[in-house]
Amino acid sequence: MSECVITPDGVPSYSVSIMEFANGYVVHETQYFANSFGAPEWRTALAEPMPGRDIARA
């Protein structure tokens, strides 16, 4: 599993990849992409900012 921020068009987009390996090869991969969004007020105490970023409020 990996997570990263990509900027193909100059705008940060968040990506998570889940890979399944067998015999040293990737046999299956699922990727999820999402735009940045703020945490609701009730959840900001549980949220952790990514390095170099502040937590936006929804």
C-alpha atoms as a PDB file:
ATOM      1  CA  MET A   1       0.000   0.000   0.000  1.00  0.00           C
ATOM      2  CA  SER A   2       1.228   3.484  -0.774  1.00  0.00           C
ATOM      3  CA  GLU A   3      -0.166   6.966  -0.498  1.00  0.00           C
ATOM      4  CA  CYS A   4       1.150  10.104  -2.128  1.00  0.00           C
ATOM      5  CA  VAL A   5       0.299  13.538  -3.454  1.00  0.00           C
ATOM      6  CA  ILE A   6       0.598  13.943  -7.218  1.00  0.00           C
ATOM      7  CA  THR A   7       0.422  17.188  -9.211  1.00  0.00           C
ATOM      8  CA  PRO A   8      -0.023  16.253 -12.887  1.00  0.00           C
ATOM      9  CA  ASP A   9      -1.753  19.555 -13.716  1.00  0.00           C
ATOM     10  CA  GLY A  10      -0.168  21.676 -10.981  1.00  0.00           C
ATOM     11  CA  VAL A  11      -3.047  21.043  -8.545  1.00  0.00           C
ATOM     12  CA  PRO A  12      -2.370  18.569  -5.689  1.00  0.00           C
ATOM     13  CA  SER A  13      -4.371  15.351  -5.914  1.00  0.00           C
ATOM     14  CA  TYR A  14      -4.177  12.542  -3.381  1.00  0.00           C
ATOM     15  CA  SER A  15      -3.549   8.962  -4.450  1.00  0.00           C
ATOM     16  CA  VAL A  16      -3.644   5.610  -2.637  1.00  0.00           C
ATOM     17  CA  SER A  17      -2.464   2.415  -4.325  1.00  0.00           C
ATOM     18  CA  ILE A  18      -3.078  -1.083  -2.991  1.00  0.00           C
ATOM     19  CA  MET A  19      -0.926  -3.752  -4.641  1.00  0.00           C
ATOM     20  CA  GLU A  20      -0.987  -7.513  -4.419  1.00  0.00           C
ATOM     21  CA  PHE A  21       2.308  -9.326  -5.024  1.00  0.00           C
ATOM     22  CA  ALA A  22       2.993 -12.943  -5.965  1.00  0.00           C
ATOM     23  CA  ASN A  23       6.393 -14.437  -6.758  1.00  0.00           C
ATOM     24  CA  GLY A  24       8.008 -10.992  -6.784  1.00  0.00           C
ATOM     25  CA  TYR A  25       5.535  -9.499  -9.287  1.00  0.00           C
ATOM     26  CA  VAL A  26       2.579  -7.160  -8.946  1.00  0.00           C
ATOM     27  CA  VAL A  27      -0.443  -9.286  -9.854  1.00  0.00           C
ATOM     28  CA  HIS A  28      -3.175  -6.774  -8.985  1.00  0.00           C
ATOM     29  CA  GLU A  29      -3.294  -3.044  -8.259  1.00  0.00           C
ATOM     30  CA  THR A  30      -6.171  -0.772  -7.257  1.00  0.00           C
ATOM     31  CA  GLN A  31      -5.713   3.004  -7.236  1.00  0.00           C
ATOM     32  CA  TYR A  32      -7.893   5.635  -5.611  1.00  0.00           C
ATOM     33  CA  PHE A  33      -7.662   9.383  -6.349  1.00  0.00           C
ATOM     34  CA  ALA A  34      -9.269  12.314  -4.529  1.00  0.00           C
ATOM     35  CA  ASN A  35      -9.065  16.064  -4.405  1.00  0.00           C
ATOM     36  CA  SER A  36      -8.210  17.780  -1.149  1.00  0.00           C
ATOM     37  CA  PHE A  37     -11.120  18.511   1.193  1.00  0.00           C
ATOM     38  CA  GLY A  38     -11.416  20.041   4.640  1.00  0.00           C
ATOM     39  CA  ALA A  39     -12.196  18.112   7.792  1.00  0.00           C
ATOM     40  CA  PRO A  40     -15.598  18.782   9.410  1.00  0.00           C
ATOM     41  CA  GLU A  41     -15.406  20.670  12.708  1.00  0.00           C
ATOM     42  CA  TRP A  42     -16.223  17.540  14.759  1.00  0.00           C
ATOM     43  CA  ARG A  43     -13.286  15.663  13.211  1.00  0.00           C
ATOM     44  CA  THR A  44     -10.489  18.259  13.149  1.00  0.00           C
ATOM     45  CA  ALA A  45      -9.147  17.048  16.511  1.00  0.00           C
ATOM     46  CA  LEU A  46      -8.629  13.600  14.935  1.00  0.00           C
ATOM     47  CA  ALA A  47      -7.088  14.849  11.681  1.00  0.00           C
ATOM     48  CA  GLU A  48      -3.342  15.074  11.069  1.00  0.00           C
ATOM     49  CA  PRO A  49      -1.993  17.470   8.445  1.00  0.00           C
ATOM     50  CA  MET A  50       0.251  16.177   5.710  1.00  0.00           C
ATOM     51  CA  PRO A  51       3.823  17.539   6.014  1.00  0.00           C
ATOM     52  CA  GLY A  52       3.970  21.193   5.035  1.00  0.00           C
ATOM     53  CA  ARG A  53       0.173  21.678   5.079  1.00  0.00           C
ATOM     54  CA  ASP A  54      -2.464  23.009   7.456  1.00  0.00           C
ATOM     55  CA  ILE A  55      -5.803  21.305   8.071  1.00  0.00           C
ATOM     56  CA  ALA A  56      -8.552  23.119   6.206  1.00  0.00           C
ATOM     57  CA  ARG A  57     -11.975  23.285   7.779  1.00  0.00           C
ATOM     58  CA  ALA A  58     -14.960  22.184   5.722  1.00  0.00           C
END
